[in-house]
Amino acid sequence: MSTEFSVPKLKDYGLDGATGFLPSKFPITHLSDPYYACWEKIVANLPSLLLSKRIREVVDRLPVLEVKKTLLDDVQELRRAYSVLCFITNAYVWGYDEPSEVLPDCVASPLLIISERLGLPPLATYASLILWNYKPIIDDLDLVDDIMELPNLTTINTFTGGIDESWFYLVSVFFEKTGGQCLESGLQAIQAVREKNSEDLRTILEKLAQGIDELGTLLMRMEEMCDPHIFYYRIRPYLAGWKNMADVGLPKGIRYGPTGEYQQYAGGSNAQSSLIQALDILLGVEHFAAGHKKPQQDAISAKSSSNSFINGMRMYMPQEHREFLAHLQHVSNLRGYVLSHKSDHKLTLAYDACLAMLKSFRDKHIQIVSRYVILQANKKPLPGKSKTLRSGLSKGQGKKVQKGTGGTSLIPFLKQCRDETGSVAASEWGKKMLSTGVLQVQSTSSVVGIRKQRRAEEESSEDSHKIAKVSQGWSRRGLDYR
């Protein structure tokens, strides 16, 4: 921790406690200048163009439009243009049985200019698919209680036109909105440490644990209206990038324009969300290179700036979000303070409760990935399904390890992140429970307990009593350790 840096203010980075990493105003749904109407016409009809296999034929006829200064100087117009062109780009590359390794100038030229201005890569990212791609169904508070409630949100654009794809994006939208309270709590906790106010810090950490718990509950709502089969075979192919994609015909990535050089980028991934990285930084969770349990040169932590996969995903985040995370790294102080006050059992329990909820979230994420990707990949494709896009995208021929759209080996990566979350517990019981226990997740999305493995069966009644006291202090539900 450095006291040379002030505690960051959300508004300085375009953030808000009510909306988190979402923009404080709803994204615009159309580019205002009629000059760009042809882009809007294509993205509005993307599902039909993909279904009829005409996307490349139509896009190839587009003129190369100038990126006007009026667009570049208006952040909402800029974000909308980026989202539109990213949808068109991924549809063009992945819209047929064989991917295209060349993006035409009519899309590549303006996209490169716009993405450079935003500091983002030129393909579909979490920002283009989630952060800047939603709108309210009803925007009149006389008709709805809360405009930003999940049932009142819909997407602006999708590849398939189906409710499953919309729901997949919207759960992430509401996830980001809900996470705003976690950001506020985290910054309040940093300030409490600076003031050496352990009582306030404990209260704030208990609130933060509840907030992280809500994120896990929300994640499990994915199952309500997004069918795993539809996700894997119809939606997921369009989210892929062109990095580590030799198995499906893009060994060098793609060229942006016929004369452009090959470039490789990872596909849209929830790893590009700034929220979970912010929680890791706040709680002092360290992530190391794949397969390593001790710090390596390429490890990432709250104090690290090395080039691991997780840190690399920051280049796919909006610039202001990256800058916020960098600022947060300089002032992160919670774990060090808790470790220096280990005699304050209530404080250490509150901190470890935050870690328990974050580990629970990662358990739920593994459960979702297993159902939506791993199980689907092991099923035989239905007749007529493209093996290149629907099967080969995730699992190369003859390989057993599934890859994510971001290019990682899915389950090993996620399990390591989960285990690293529990490894930084402050109290002795926390270390034992979070390293030897298995968080039990039910379909109701509630964490009903930690099932202890055999070597942890003799947990003392004193520790059990401590755990129960933490649970009783929570307004909704806590952990039932059994």
Protein backbone atom coordinates (compact mmCIF):
# COMPACT_ATOMS: atom_id res chain seq x y z
CA MET A 1 0.00 0.00 0.00
CA SER A 2 1.14 3.53 -0.73
CA THR A 3 -0.25 6.55 1.09
CA GLU A 4 1.18 8.74 -1.68
CA PHE A 5 -1.93 7.93 -3.70
CA SER A 6 -5.37 9.13 -2.69
CA VAL A 7 -8.28 6.71 -2.51
CA PRO A 8 -9.73 6.67 -6.05
CA LYS A 9 -13.08 8.32 -6.69
CA LEU A 10 -15.43 6.37 -8.95
CA LYS A 11 -16.55 9.47 -10.86
CA ASP A 12 -12.95 10.24 -11.87
CA TYR A 13 -12.98 7.05 -13.94
CA GLY A 14 -16.46 7.34 -15.38
CA LEU A 15 -17.80 4.91 -12.77
CA ASP A 16 -20.77 5.09 -10.46
CA GLY A 17 -21.83 3.21 -7.35
CA ALA A 18 -25.29 2.71 -8.87
CA THR A 19 -24.04 1.24 -12.16
CA GLY A 20 -20.53 -0.01 -11.46
CA PHE A 21 -18.49 -0.41 -14.63
CA LEU A 22 -21.53 0.26 -16.82
CA PRO A 23 -21.85 3.78 -18.23
CA SER A 24 -23.86 6.09 -15.98
CA LYS A 25 -26.18 6.82 -18.93
CA PHE A 26 -27.79 4.20 -21.14
CA PRO A 27 -25.84 3.52 -24.36
CA ILE A 28 -27.29 5.09 -27.49
CA THR A 29 -29.09 2.62 -29.74
CA HIS A 30 -28.26 4.18 -33.13
CA LEU A 31 -25.58 6.39 -34.61
CA SER A 32 -27.16 9.81 -35.03
CA ASP A 33 -25.47 10.67 -38.35
CA PRO A 34 -27.40 9.21 -41.35
CA TYR A 35 -24.02 8.89 -43.07
CA TYR A 36 -23.49 5.66 -41.09
CA ALA A 37 -26.96 4.25 -41.78
CA CYS A 38 -25.55 1.37 -43.83
CA TRP A 39 -23.64 0.10 -40.78
CA GLU A 40 -26.77 0.26 -38.65
CA LYS A 41 -28.83 -1.47 -41.33
CA ILE A 42 -26.45 -4.43 -41.45
CA VAL A 43 -26.14 -4.87 -37.68
CA ALA A 44 -29.93 -4.62 -37.27
CA ASN A 45 -30.36 -7.46 -39.77
CA LEU A 46 -27.41 -9.53 -38.59
CA PRO A 47 -29.47 -12.59 -37.50
CA SER A 48 -31.13 -12.85 -40.92
CA LEU A 49 -27.88 -12.27 -42.81
CA LEU A 50 -26.15 -14.99 -40.80
CA LEU A 51 -29.05 -17.39 -41.19
CA SER A 52 -29.12 -16.90 -44.97
CA LYS A 53 -25.31 -17.02 -45.24
CA ARG A 54 -25.24 -13.61 -46.94
CA ILE A 55 -23.28 -11.55 -44.43
CA ARG A 56 -20.03 -11.45 -46.42
CA GLU A 57 -21.80 -10.81 -49.70
CA VAL A 58 -23.58 -7.79 -48.27
CA VAL A 59 -20.65 -6.42 -46.26
CA ASP A 60 -18.34 -6.64 -49.27
CA ARG A 61 -20.55 -4.09 -51.03
CA LEU A 62 -20.18 -1.48 -48.29
CA PRO A 63 -18.28 1.70 -49.12
CA VAL A 64 -15.27 2.67 -47.02
CA LEU A 65 -16.75 5.41 -44.86
CA GLU A 66 -14.79 8.26 -43.32
CA VAL A 67 -14.66 8.36 -39.54
CA LYS A 68 -15.75 11.93 -38.94
CA LYS A 69 -14.34 14.12 -36.19
CA THR A 70 -17.84 14.58 -34.79
CA LEU A 71 -17.98 10.84 -34.13
CA LEU A 72 -14.48 10.65 -32.66
CA ASP A 73 -15.20 13.52 -30.26
CA ASP A 74 -18.46 12.07 -28.89
CA VAL A 75 -17.83 9.15 -26.53
CA GLN A 76 -21.35 7.73 -26.82
CA GLU A 77 -21.25 7.83 -30.63
CA LEU A 78 -17.76 6.34 -30.54
CA ARG A 79 -18.83 3.45 -28.32
CA ARG A 80 -21.87 2.77 -30.49
CA ALA A 81 -19.76 2.73 -33.66
CA TYR A 82 -17.30 0.36 -31.99
CA SER A 83 -20.07 -2.02 -30.91
CA VAL A 84 -21.68 -2.00 -34.37
CA LEU A 85 -18.45 -2.66 -36.25
CA CYS A 86 -17.37 -5.35 -33.77
CA PHE A 87 -20.62 -7.23 -34.28
CA ILE A 88 -20.15 -7.01 -38.05
CA THR A 89 -16.50 -8.08 -37.76
CA ASN A 90 -17.14 -11.24 -35.77
CA ALA A 91 -20.14 -12.11 -37.92
CA TYR A 92 -18.03 -11.72 -41.06
CA VAL A 93 -15.20 -13.90 -39.74
CA TRP A 94 -17.32 -16.66 -38.17
CA GLY A 95 -20.54 -16.52 -40.19
CA TYR A 96 -19.78 -19.45 -42.51
CA ASP A 97 -18.52 -23.02 -42.14
CA GLU A 98 -14.97 -21.78 -42.75
CA PRO A 99 -13.68 -18.59 -41.09
CA SER A 100 -12.46 -15.65 -43.14
CA GLU A 101 -8.87 -14.61 -42.52
CA VAL A 102 -9.28 -11.25 -44.27
CA LEU A 103 -11.58 -8.47 -43.08
CA PRO A 104 -12.51 -6.09 -45.91
CA ASP A 105 -11.37 -2.46 -45.80
CA CYS A 106 -14.95 -1.20 -45.52
CA VAL A 107 -15.06 -2.60 -41.97
CA ALA A 108 -11.36 -2.85 -41.09
CA SER A 109 -10.42 0.75 -41.86
CA PRO A 110 -13.00 2.54 -39.67
CA LEU A 111 -12.80 -0.12 -36.94
CA LEU A 112 -9.04 0.30 -36.55
CA ILE A 113 -9.43 4.07 -36.18
CA ILE A 114 -12.29 3.80 -33.70
CA SER A 115 -10.76 1.02 -31.60
CA GLU A 116 -7.47 2.91 -31.37
CA ARG A 117 -9.31 5.99 -30.15
CA LEU A 118 -11.02 3.92 -27.46
CA GLY A 119 -7.87 1.99 -26.58
CA LEU A 120 -9.56 -1.34 -27.30
CA PRO A 121 -8.74 -4.21 -29.69
CA PRO A 122 -10.64 -4.35 -33.02
CA LEU A 123 -13.03 -7.25 -32.42
CA ALA A 124 -16.01 -8.18 -30.25
CA THR A 125 -15.08 -7.66 -26.60
CA TYR A 126 -16.91 -7.62 -23.28
CA ALA A 127 -17.28 -3.87 -23.74
CA SER A 128 -18.93 -4.09 -27.18
CA LEU A 129 -21.15 -7.06 -26.30
CA ILE A 130 -22.11 -6.19 -22.72
CA LEU A 131 -21.17 -2.76 -21.39
CA TRP A 132 -22.39 -0.76 -24.40
CA ASN A 133 -25.10 -3.05 -25.75
CA TYR A 134 -28.21 -2.79 -23.56
CA LYS A 135 -31.28 -0.60 -23.24
CA PRO A 136 -34.41 -0.37 -21.08
CA ILE A 137 -37.65 -1.94 -22.27
CA ILE A 138 -39.68 0.71 -20.44
CA ASP A 139 -37.97 3.99 -19.56
CA ASP A 140 -40.91 5.55 -17.71
CA LEU A 141 -40.71 5.39 -13.90
CA ASP A 142 -44.49 5.77 -13.76
CA LEU A 143 -44.73 2.32 -15.35
CA VAL A 144 -41.84 0.47 -13.68
CA ASP A 145 -40.30 0.64 -10.22
CA ASP A 146 -36.70 0.49 -11.40
CA ILE A 147 -35.60 1.08 -14.98
CA MET A 148 -32.34 -0.84 -14.38
CA GLU A 149 -33.93 -4.03 -13.03
CA LEU A 150 -32.99 -7.13 -15.00
CA PRO A 151 -36.55 -7.87 -16.24
CA ASN A 152 -36.69 -4.37 -17.73
CA LEU A 153 -33.49 -4.68 -19.77
CA THR A 154 -32.96 -5.90 -23.31
CA THR A 155 -30.09 -5.97 -25.77
CA ILE A 156 -29.54 -3.54 -28.62
CA ASN A 157 -27.96 -6.10 -30.96
CA THR A 158 -27.32 -9.85 -31.09
CA PHE A 159 -25.90 -12.30 -33.62
CA THR A 160 -28.81 -14.74 -33.46
CA GLY A 161 -31.85 -12.64 -32.62
CA GLY A 162 -32.81 -15.12 -29.89
CA ILE A 163 -33.74 -14.63 -26.25
CA ASP A 164 -30.98 -17.02 -25.13
CA GLU A 165 -28.26 -14.74 -26.49
CA SER A 166 -29.92 -11.63 -25.09
CA TRP A 167 -30.22 -13.23 -21.66
CA PHE A 168 -26.58 -14.32 -21.75
CA TYR A 169 -25.53 -10.70 -22.22
CA LEU A 170 -28.11 -9.19 -19.87
CA VAL A 171 -27.14 -11.32 -16.87
CA SER A 172 -23.64 -9.86 -17.26
CA VAL A 173 -25.08 -6.35 -17.60
CA PHE A 174 -26.98 -6.70 -14.33
CA PHE A 175 -23.94 -8.38 -12.77
CA GLU A 176 -21.93 -5.23 -13.48
CA LYS A 177 -24.72 -3.00 -12.17
CA THR A 178 -25.00 -5.02 -8.97
CA GLY A 179 -21.24 -4.89 -8.53
CA GLY A 180 -21.33 -1.13 -8.12
CA GLN A 181 -22.13 -1.56 -4.42
CA CYS A 182 -19.05 -3.79 -4.06
CA LEU A 183 -16.85 -1.07 -5.55
CA GLU A 184 -18.25 1.47 -3.10
CA SER A 185 -17.74 -0.89 -0.15
CA GLY A 186 -14.19 -1.65 -1.27
CA LEU A 187 -13.20 2.01 -1.43
CA GLN A 188 -14.85 2.66 1.94
CA ALA A 189 -12.83 -0.23 3.37
CA ILE A 190 -9.57 1.25 2.08
CA GLN A 191 -10.45 4.56 3.73
CA ALA A 192 -11.30 2.79 7.01
CA VAL A 193 -7.85 1.18 6.99
CA ARG A 194 -6.21 4.56 6.46
CA GLU A 195 -8.14 5.85 9.46
CA LYS A 196 -7.22 2.70 11.44
CA ASN A 197 -10.90 2.17 12.20
CA SER A 198 -11.22 -1.59 12.66
CA GLU A 199 -14.86 -1.45 13.75
CA ASP A 200 -15.97 0.36 10.60
CA LEU A 201 -13.79 -1.91 8.49
CA ARG A 202 -15.44 -5.02 9.91
CA THR A 203 -18.91 -3.66 9.15
CA ILE A 204 -17.89 -2.69 5.63
CA LEU A 205 -16.33 -6.11 4.97
CA GLU A 206 -19.51 -7.85 6.10
CA LYS A 207 -21.45 -5.69 3.63
CA LEU A 208 -18.91 -6.49 0.92
CA ALA A 209 -19.30 -10.22 1.59
CA GLN A 210 -23.06 -9.88 1.12
CA GLY A 211 -22.50 -8.00 -2.13
CA ILE A 212 -20.19 -10.70 -3.50
CA ASP A 213 -22.75 -13.31 -2.43
CA GLU A 214 -25.37 -11.49 -4.52
CA LEU A 215 -23.06 -11.65 -7.54
CA GLY A 216 -22.88 -15.42 -7.23
CA THR A 217 -26.65 -15.70 -6.93
CA LEU A 218 -27.07 -13.54 -10.02
CA LEU A 219 -24.61 -15.63 -12.03
CA MET A 220 -26.76 -18.72 -11.50
CA ARG A 221 -29.71 -16.91 -13.10
CA MET A 222 -28.03 -17.63 -16.42
CA GLU A 223 -29.88 -20.95 -16.38
CA GLU A 224 -33.30 -19.27 -16.38
CA MET A 225 -33.44 -18.31 -20.05
CA CYS A 226 -30.19 -19.36 -21.73
CA ASP A 227 -30.22 -22.96 -22.91
CA PRO A 228 -26.75 -24.60 -22.78
CA HIS A 229 -27.18 -26.33 -26.14
CA ILE A 230 -28.22 -23.12 -27.87
CA PHE A 231 -25.39 -21.22 -26.21
CA TYR A 232 -22.71 -23.68 -27.24
CA TYR A 233 -23.81 -24.35 -30.80
CA ARG A 234 -25.41 -21.06 -31.86
CA ILE A 235 -24.03 -18.23 -29.73
CA ARG A 236 -20.55 -19.09 -28.52
CA PRO A 237 -18.97 -19.50 -31.99
CA TYR A 238 -19.47 -15.81 -32.76
CA LEU A 239 -17.76 -14.75 -29.52
CA ALA A 240 -14.42 -16.33 -30.43
CA GLY A 241 -11.38 -14.32 -31.40
CA TRP A 242 -8.44 -15.22 -33.59
CA LYS A 243 -5.68 -16.00 -31.15
CA ASN A 244 -4.57 -19.63 -30.67
CA MET A 245 -7.07 -20.61 -33.36
CA ALA A 246 -4.88 -22.73 -35.63
CA ASP A 247 -7.19 -25.69 -35.03
CA VAL A 248 -10.01 -23.95 -36.88
CA GLY A 249 -8.06 -22.45 -39.75
CA LEU A 250 -6.68 -19.19 -38.38
CA PRO A 251 -3.07 -20.04 -37.43
CA LYS A 252 -1.90 -16.43 -37.87
CA GLY A 253 -5.12 -14.67 -36.88
CA ILE A 254 -6.75 -12.39 -39.46
CA ARG A 255 -5.70 -9.48 -41.65
CA TYR A 256 -7.45 -6.15 -41.25
CA GLY A 257 -7.77 -5.29 -44.93
CA PRO A 258 -6.34 -7.24 -47.89
CA THR A 259 -2.93 -5.59 -47.48
CA GLY A 260 -2.89 -5.58 -43.68
CA GLU A 261 -0.64 -7.71 -41.51
CA TYR A 262 -1.98 -10.68 -39.59
CA GLN A 263 -3.12 -9.83 -36.07
CA GLN A 264 -4.22 -12.10 -33.25
CA TYR A 265 -6.70 -11.19 -30.52
CA ALA A 266 -8.51 -13.20 -27.86
CA GLY A 267 -12.28 -13.42 -28.11
CA GLY A 268 -14.92 -11.86 -25.89
CA SER A 269 -14.72 -13.30 -22.39
CA ASN A 270 -16.00 -12.60 -18.90
CA ALA A 271 -12.32 -12.40 -17.94
CA GLN A 272 -12.51 -8.97 -19.60
CA SER A 273 -14.86 -7.76 -16.86
CA SER A 274 -13.10 -5.31 -14.55
CA LEU A 275 -15.29 -6.17 -11.56
CA ILE A 276 -13.79 -9.48 -10.48
CA GLN A 277 -10.26 -8.16 -11.00
CA ALA A 278 -11.19 -5.23 -8.77
CA LEU A 279 -12.37 -7.61 -6.04
CA ASP A 280 -9.17 -9.64 -6.33
CA ILE A 281 -7.10 -6.48 -5.93
CA LEU A 282 -9.16 -5.28 -2.97
CA LEU A 283 -8.86 -8.59 -1.12
CA GLY A 284 -5.22 -9.22 -2.04
CA VAL A 285 -5.88 -12.38 -4.07
CA GLU A 286 -2.85 -13.41 -6.13
CA HIS A 287 -3.00 -15.32 -9.42
CA PHE A 288 0.06 -17.13 -10.70
CA ALA A 289 1.10 -18.73 -13.97
CA ALA A 290 -0.77 -21.92 -14.91
CA GLY A 291 0.30 -24.86 -12.78
CA HIS A 292 2.32 -22.78 -10.29
CA LYS A 293 1.46 -22.32 -6.64
CA LYS A 294 4.37 -20.07 -5.77
CA PRO A 295 5.08 -16.65 -7.27
CA GLN A 296 6.77 -16.85 -10.64
CA GLN A 297 8.11 -14.05 -12.80
CA ASP A 298 4.85 -14.03 -14.72
CA ALA A 299 2.59 -13.98 -11.66
CA ILE A 300 -0.06 -11.34 -11.10
CA SER A 301 -1.18 -10.02 -7.76
CA ALA A 302 -2.49 -6.83 -6.28
CA LYS A 303 1.03 -5.48 -6.63
CA SER A 304 2.08 -7.21 -9.87
CA SER A 305 2.09 -5.82 -13.39
CA SER A 306 3.43 -8.83 -15.29
CA ASN A 307 1.98 -10.31 -18.46
CA SER A 308 -0.16 -13.25 -17.31
CA PHE A 309 -3.46 -14.12 -18.98
CA ILE A 310 -5.51 -12.29 -16.35
CA ASN A 311 -3.36 -9.18 -16.57
CA GLY A 312 -3.39 -9.44 -20.36
CA MET A 313 -7.17 -9.23 -20.31
CA ARG A 314 -6.89 -5.65 -19.06
CA MET A 315 -5.93 -4.61 -22.58
CA TYR A 316 -9.46 -5.68 -23.58
CA MET A 317 -11.05 -3.37 -21.00
CA PRO A 318 -12.01 0.27 -21.58
CA GLN A 319 -9.08 2.55 -20.82
CA GLU A 320 -10.72 4.26 -17.83
CA HIS A 321 -11.39 0.85 -16.27
CA ARG A 322 -7.75 -0.18 -16.70
CA GLU A 323 -6.64 3.06 -15.10
CA PHE A 324 -9.01 2.52 -12.17
CA LEU A 325 -7.58 -0.96 -11.55
CA ALA A 326 -4.03 0.42 -11.71
CA HIS A 327 -4.94 3.11 -9.15
CA LEU A 328 -6.59 0.49 -6.97
CA GLN A 329 -3.40 -1.58 -6.99
CA HIS A 330 -1.46 1.34 -5.53
CA VAL A 331 -3.83 1.80 -2.58
CA SER A 332 -4.93 -1.78 -1.86
CA ASN A 333 -4.36 -2.29 1.86
CA LEU A 334 -7.05 -4.56 3.31
CA ARG A 335 -5.21 -7.86 3.64
CA GLY A 336 -2.09 -6.33 5.15
CA TYR A 337 -4.15 -4.50 7.76
CA VAL A 338 -6.19 -7.58 8.65
CA LEU A 339 -3.03 -9.70 9.00
CA SER A 340 -1.54 -7.11 11.34
CA HIS A 341 -4.71 -7.26 13.47
CA LYS A 342 -5.20 -11.03 13.63
CA SER A 343 -6.08 -10.80 17.31
CA ASP A 344 -9.30 -9.08 16.21
CA HIS A 345 -11.23 -12.26 15.46
CA LYS A 346 -14.36 -10.50 14.24
CA LEU A 347 -12.30 -8.57 11.71
CA THR A 348 -10.48 -11.62 10.37
CA LEU A 349 -13.76 -13.52 10.14
CA ALA A 350 -15.32 -10.69 8.13
CA TYR A 351 -12.35 -10.61 5.75
CA ASP A 352 -12.36 -14.38 5.34
CA ALA A 353 -16.11 -14.26 4.71
CA CYS A 354 -15.40 -12.03 1.69
CA LEU A 355 -12.93 -14.61 0.41
CA ALA A 356 -15.43 -17.41 1.05
CA MET A 357 -18.03 -15.61 -1.03
CA LEU A 358 -15.55 -14.90 -3.82
CA LYS A 359 -14.49 -18.53 -3.83
CA SER A 360 -18.15 -19.53 -3.87
CA PHE A 361 -18.65 -17.27 -6.88
CA ARG A 362 -15.81 -19.03 -8.67
CA ASP A 363 -17.29 -22.42 -7.78
CA LYS A 364 -20.54 -21.33 -9.38
CA HIS A 365 -18.67 -20.07 -12.43
CA ILE A 366 -17.07 -23.50 -12.82
CA GLN A 367 -20.51 -25.07 -12.52
CA ILE A 368 -21.87 -22.83 -15.29
CA VAL A 369 -18.88 -23.44 -17.57
CA SER A 370 -19.14 -27.19 -17.02
CA ARG A 371 -22.78 -27.21 -18.03
CA TYR A 372 -22.61 -24.71 -20.88
CA VAL A 373 -19.29 -25.72 -22.45
CA ILE A 374 -17.72 -28.94 -21.17
CA LEU A 375 -20.84 -31.12 -21.23
CA GLN A 376 -21.95 -29.70 -24.58
CA ALA A 377 -18.52 -30.24 -26.15
CA ASN A 378 -18.62 -33.90 -25.17
CA LYS A 379 -21.94 -34.42 -26.92
CA LYS A 380 -22.14 -35.37 -30.57
CA PRO A 381 -23.14 -32.42 -32.79
CA LEU A 382 -26.56 -32.65 -34.38
CA PRO A 383 -26.65 -33.50 -38.10
CA GLY A 384 -25.79 -30.50 -40.24
CA LYS A 385 -23.88 -28.62 -37.55
CA SER A 386 -20.59 -27.07 -38.62
CA LYS A 387 -17.73 -28.97 -37.03
CA THR A 388 -15.40 -26.04 -37.59
CA LEU A 389 -17.41 -23.52 -35.65
CA ARG A 390 -19.49 -25.59 -33.28
CA SER A 391 -17.03 -28.25 -32.23
CA GLY A 392 -13.55 -27.34 -33.36
CA LEU A 393 -13.78 -23.85 -31.89
CA SER A 394 -13.64 -25.20 -28.38
CA LYS A 395 -11.75 -28.43 -28.73
CA GLY A 396 -9.11 -29.09 -31.32
CA GLN A 397 -9.20 -32.39 -33.16
CA GLY A 398 -7.96 -35.14 -30.84
CA LYS A 399 -7.63 -32.85 -27.84
CA LYS A 400 -9.39 -33.28 -24.51
CA VAL A 401 -8.91 -29.81 -23.02
CA GLN A 402 -11.63 -27.29 -23.75
CA LYS A 403 -10.62 -23.74 -24.59
CA GLY A 404 -12.52 -20.62 -23.66
CA THR A 405 -13.30 -17.85 -26.15
CA GLY A 406 -10.43 -15.98 -24.53
CA GLY A 407 -8.03 -18.78 -25.44
CA THR A 408 -7.47 -20.41 -22.02
CA SER A 409 -7.80 -24.06 -21.02
CA LEU A 410 -11.11 -23.57 -19.28
CA ILE A 411 -11.50 -25.79 -16.23
CA PRO A 412 -7.83 -25.94 -15.12
CA PHE A 413 -7.63 -22.15 -15.34
CA LEU A 414 -10.86 -21.57 -13.41
CA LYS A 415 -10.02 -24.11 -10.72
CA GLN A 416 -6.62 -22.55 -10.15
CA CYS A 417 -8.21 -19.09 -9.80
CA ARG A 418 -10.68 -20.52 -7.29
CA ASP A 419 -8.00 -22.25 -5.23
CA GLU A 420 -5.83 -19.13 -5.21
CA THR A 421 -8.80 -17.19 -3.81
CA GLY A 422 -9.00 -19.38 -0.72
CA SER A 423 -5.25 -19.51 -0.18
CA VAL A 424 -4.99 -15.96 1.18
CA ALA A 425 -7.37 -16.41 4.13
CA ALA A 426 -6.23 -14.52 7.22
CA SER A 427 -7.32 -16.81 10.06
CA GLU A 428 -6.19 -20.37 10.69
CA TRP A 429 -9.72 -21.77 10.45
CA GLY A 430 -10.23 -19.78 7.26
CA LYS A 431 -7.11 -21.24 5.67
CA LYS A 432 -8.19 -24.74 6.62
CA MET A 433 -11.81 -24.38 5.53
CA LEU A 434 -11.08 -22.59 2.27
CA SER A 435 -8.22 -24.88 1.31
CA THR A 436 -9.71 -28.24 2.30
CA GLY A 437 -13.42 -27.54 1.97
CA VAL A 438 -15.62 -27.77 -1.08
CA LEU A 439 -18.27 -25.10 -1.38
CA GLN A 440 -21.64 -26.72 -1.99
CA VAL A 441 -23.73 -24.91 -4.59
CA GLN A 442 -27.36 -25.82 -5.15
CA SER A 443 -29.55 -25.04 -8.13
CA THR A 444 -31.25 -22.44 -5.96
CA SER A 445 -27.99 -20.50 -6.22
CA SER A 446 -27.47 -20.42 -2.45
CA VAL A 447 -24.30 -21.58 -0.78
CA VAL A 448 -25.55 -24.13 1.72
CA GLY A 449 -22.23 -24.97 3.22
CA ILE A 450 -18.69 -26.16 3.00
CA ARG A 451 -18.33 -29.91 2.93
CA LYS A 452 -15.13 -30.71 4.77
CA GLN A 453 -12.79 -33.31 3.36
CA ARG A 454 -11.65 -36.13 5.65
CA ARG A 455 -8.57 -34.40 7.00
CA ALA A 456 -10.69 -31.45 8.17
CA GLU A 457 -13.41 -33.44 9.92
CA GLU A 458 -12.09 -32.72 13.38
CA GLU A 459 -12.67 -28.96 13.24
CA SER A 460 -12.92 -27.58 16.78
CA SER A 461 -16.24 -26.49 18.24
CA GLU A 462 -14.67 -23.12 19.03
CA ASP A 463 -14.04 -22.43 15.34
CA SER A 464 -17.55 -23.62 14.48
CA HIS A 465 -18.94 -21.16 17.01
CA LYS A 466 -16.95 -18.32 15.41
CA ILE A 467 -18.27 -19.20 11.99
CA ALA A 468 -21.85 -19.29 13.22
CA LYS A 469 -21.48 -15.80 14.67
CA VAL A 470 -20.43 -14.44 11.28
CA SER A 471 -23.44 -16.04 9.63
CA GLN A 472 -25.85 -14.61 12.18
CA GLY A 473 -24.64 -11.10 11.42
CA TRP A 474 -25.68 -11.25 7.78
CA SER A 475 -29.02 -9.86 6.73
CA ARG A 476 -29.82 -12.43 4.02
CA ARG A 477 -27.86 -15.60 4.60
CA GLY A 478 -24.41 -16.68 5.58
CA LEU A 479 -22.37 -19.82 5.41
CA ASP A 480 -23.56 -22.92 7.17
CA TYR A 481 -20.37 -24.85 7.88
CA ARG A 482 -21.07 -28.50 8.43
